[in-house]
Amino acid sequence: MKPMYLMLCGFLLVAGAQAADEPVAKPLVTTHPVKVTRAQAAGPIFQSPTAVKENGGDGPTTDVLMLRSKDGKLEAGLYDAGPSEQDIDSYPEDEFMFFLAGGVTLTSADGKKLEARAGEGVAMPKGWKGHWSTTGYKKYYVTYNTAKK
């Protein structure tokens, strides 16, 4: 298995006990494991008080941040996005994403096409150039950005 996939699995498996109906707090720097159940990830977590909703160039989105490392460079959470089409000049960070629903089509600047759907993961390198197309998706994500402080 690839290291980023193992990191995500480890993050999800070592999460501590939390009631299924308990909202996930916004742990910018957490000192305890945080758990998301399958039922929560299917939709209710995106209605939690900590969910950040936006409607910008990426279309309608909801971000539920679960973890931010003490140095601010690593983040993990869940993300729900509506339809969007966009050209990306330089992907801003390294990211592993695992799709729970929907998916994306990624066409690299050199024309290589990658389609990812629910149940599949994508490792996205910082600096990637290409076109991002989706009719919408839900995903777990883990990002790493050396530019953050």
Protein backbone atom coordinates (compact mmCIF):
# COMPACT_ATOMS: atom_id res chain seq x y z
CA MET A 1 0.00 0.00 0.00
CA LYS A 2 1.10 3.55 -0.64
CA PRO A 3 2.24 5.73 2.32
CA MET A 4 -0.43 8.47 1.90
CA TYR A 5 -3.21 5.83 1.82
CA LEU A 6 -1.77 4.27 4.97
CA MET A 7 -1.59 7.69 6.61
CA LEU A 8 -5.27 8.32 5.89
CA CYS A 9 -6.27 4.84 7.07
CA GLY A 10 -4.21 5.27 10.21
CA PHE A 11 -5.81 8.65 10.85
CA LEU A 12 -9.27 7.16 10.53
CA LEU A 13 -8.55 3.97 12.48
CA VAL A 14 -6.83 5.50 15.49
CA ALA A 15 -9.68 7.91 16.06
CA GLY A 16 -11.12 7.72 19.56
CA ALA A 17 -14.68 7.04 20.66
CA GLN A 18 -17.30 9.69 19.97
CA ALA A 19 -21.07 9.37 19.97
CA ALA A 20 -22.58 9.08 16.48
CA ASP A 21 -24.83 12.09 17.02
CA GLU A 22 -22.16 14.25 18.70
CA PRO A 23 -20.94 17.11 16.47
CA VAL A 24 -17.26 17.14 15.61
CA ALA A 25 -15.53 20.09 17.26
CA LYS A 26 -13.22 22.26 15.17
CA PRO A 27 -9.81 21.04 16.38
CA LEU A 28 -7.33 23.47 14.90
CA VAL A 29 -4.74 21.76 17.07
CA THR A 30 -6.18 18.73 18.81
CA THR A 31 -4.86 16.78 21.75
CA HIS A 32 -7.28 13.87 21.38
CA PRO A 33 -8.24 11.56 18.53
CA VAL A 34 -11.35 12.56 16.56
CA LYS A 35 -13.68 9.99 15.04
CA VAL A 36 -16.12 10.26 12.15
CA THR A 37 -18.55 7.40 11.70
CA ARG A 38 -19.62 6.08 8.32
CA ALA A 39 -23.12 7.46 9.00
CA GLN A 40 -21.75 10.95 9.77
CA ALA A 41 -19.53 10.97 6.68
CA ALA A 42 -22.54 10.07 4.51
CA GLY A 43 -23.94 13.54 5.08
CA PRO A 44 -24.77 14.76 8.61
CA ILE A 45 -21.23 15.95 9.34
CA PHE A 46 -21.58 18.50 6.55
CA GLN A 47 -24.40 20.13 8.57
CA SER A 48 -22.36 20.31 11.79
CA PRO A 49 -21.76 23.69 13.45
CA THR A 50 -18.09 23.52 12.44
CA ALA A 51 -18.79 23.04 8.72
CA VAL A 52 -17.56 25.97 6.62
CA LYS A 53 -19.76 26.62 3.58
CA GLU A 54 -18.61 28.68 0.62
CA ASN A 55 -19.72 29.36 -2.93
CA GLY A 56 -16.81 30.57 -5.02
CA GLY A 57 -14.79 29.68 -8.08
CA ASP A 58 -14.76 26.03 -7.02
CA GLY A 59 -18.57 25.96 -6.89
CA PRO A 60 -20.56 25.31 -3.71
CA THR A 61 -18.38 23.64 -1.05
CA THR A 62 -18.51 22.54 2.57
CA ASP A 63 -15.29 21.90 4.51
CA VAL A 64 -15.19 20.12 7.87
CA LEU A 65 -11.70 20.47 9.32
CA MET A 66 -10.92 17.69 11.78
CA LEU A 67 -7.21 18.16 12.38
CA ARG A 68 -4.54 20.78 11.86
CA SER A 69 -1.00 19.97 12.94
CA LYS A 70 0.71 22.24 15.45
CA ASP A 71 2.89 23.71 12.69
CA GLY A 72 -0.20 24.29 10.49
CA LYS A 73 1.23 22.38 7.53
CA LEU A 74 -0.89 19.23 7.70
CA GLU A 75 -4.68 19.29 7.66
CA ALA A 76 -7.28 16.53 7.47
CA GLY A 77 -11.04 16.56 7.16
CA LEU A 78 -14.02 16.00 4.93
CA TYR A 79 -15.06 18.06 1.92
CA ASP A 80 -18.30 18.24 -0.05
CA ALA A 81 -18.27 20.01 -3.41
CA GLY A 82 -20.85 20.68 -6.08
CA PRO A 83 -20.28 20.86 -9.82
CA SER A 84 -17.24 22.77 -11.05
CA GLU A 85 -14.92 23.11 -14.03
CA GLN A 86 -11.60 24.83 -13.56
CA ASP A 87 -8.15 25.11 -15.01
CA ILE A 88 -5.43 24.78 -12.37
CA ASP A 89 -2.12 26.52 -13.01
CA SER A 90 -0.40 25.03 -9.96
CA TYR A 91 -2.08 22.82 -7.32
CA PRO A 92 -1.34 24.60 -4.02
CA GLU A 93 -0.37 21.61 -1.82
CA ASP A 94 0.25 17.89 -1.68
CA GLU A 95 -3.06 16.13 -1.05
CA PHE A 96 -4.41 12.65 -0.62
CA MET A 97 -8.16 12.41 -1.23
CA PHE A 98 -10.47 9.43 -0.85
CA PHE A 99 -13.86 9.80 -2.53
CA LEU A 100 -16.97 8.79 -0.61
CA ALA A 101 -19.43 9.85 -3.31
CA GLY A 102 -19.20 11.30 -6.81
CA GLY A 103 -15.75 11.88 -8.25
CA VAL A 104 -13.52 13.99 -10.47
CA THR A 105 -11.91 13.92 -13.88
CA LEU A 106 -8.38 15.31 -13.90
CA THR A 107 -6.76 16.12 -17.23
CA SER A 108 -3.08 16.98 -16.86
CA ALA A 109 -1.48 19.72 -18.96
CA ASP A 110 0.16 16.96 -21.06
CA GLY A 111 -3.30 15.53 -21.88
CA LYS A 112 -3.18 12.49 -19.56
CA LYS A 113 -6.65 11.86 -18.10
CA LEU A 114 -7.44 10.35 -14.69
CA GLU A 115 -10.95 9.59 -13.45
CA ALA A 116 -11.58 8.90 -9.76
CA ARG A 117 -14.92 7.78 -8.34
CA ALA A 118 -16.41 6.81 -4.97
CA GLY A 119 -14.26 4.21 -3.25
CA GLU A 120 -11.06 5.39 -4.96
CA GLY A 121 -8.19 7.57 -3.78
CA VAL A 122 -6.00 10.11 -5.55
CA ALA A 123 -2.57 11.40 -4.54
CA MET A 124 -2.29 14.93 -5.94
CA PRO A 125 1.19 16.47 -6.09
CA LYS A 126 1.79 20.10 -5.29
CA GLY A 127 2.34 22.05 -8.50
CA TRP A 128 0.13 19.82 -10.71
CA LYS A 129 -1.19 21.65 -13.78
CA GLY A 130 -4.32 20.74 -15.66
CA HIS A 131 -8.11 20.77 -15.74
CA TRP A 132 -10.40 19.68 -12.86
CA SER A 133 -13.95 18.65 -13.76
CA THR A 134 -16.67 17.31 -11.46
CA THR A 135 -20.43 16.98 -11.17
CA GLY A 136 -19.89 16.93 -7.39
CA TYR A 137 -18.27 14.74 -4.72
CA LYS A 138 -17.70 14.03 -1.04
CA LYS A 139 -14.21 13.11 0.13
CA TYR A 140 -11.85 12.62 3.03
CA TYR A 141 -8.67 14.64 2.55
CA VAL A 142 -5.21 14.96 4.02
CA THR A 143 -3.15 17.94 2.83
CA TYR A 144 0.44 18.96 3.41
CA ASN A 145 1.60 22.47 2.59
CA THR A 146 5.14 23.58 3.42
CA ALA A 147 4.24 27.22 2.71
CA LYS A 148 1.88 27.37 5.72
CA LYS A 149 3.21 28.55 9.05
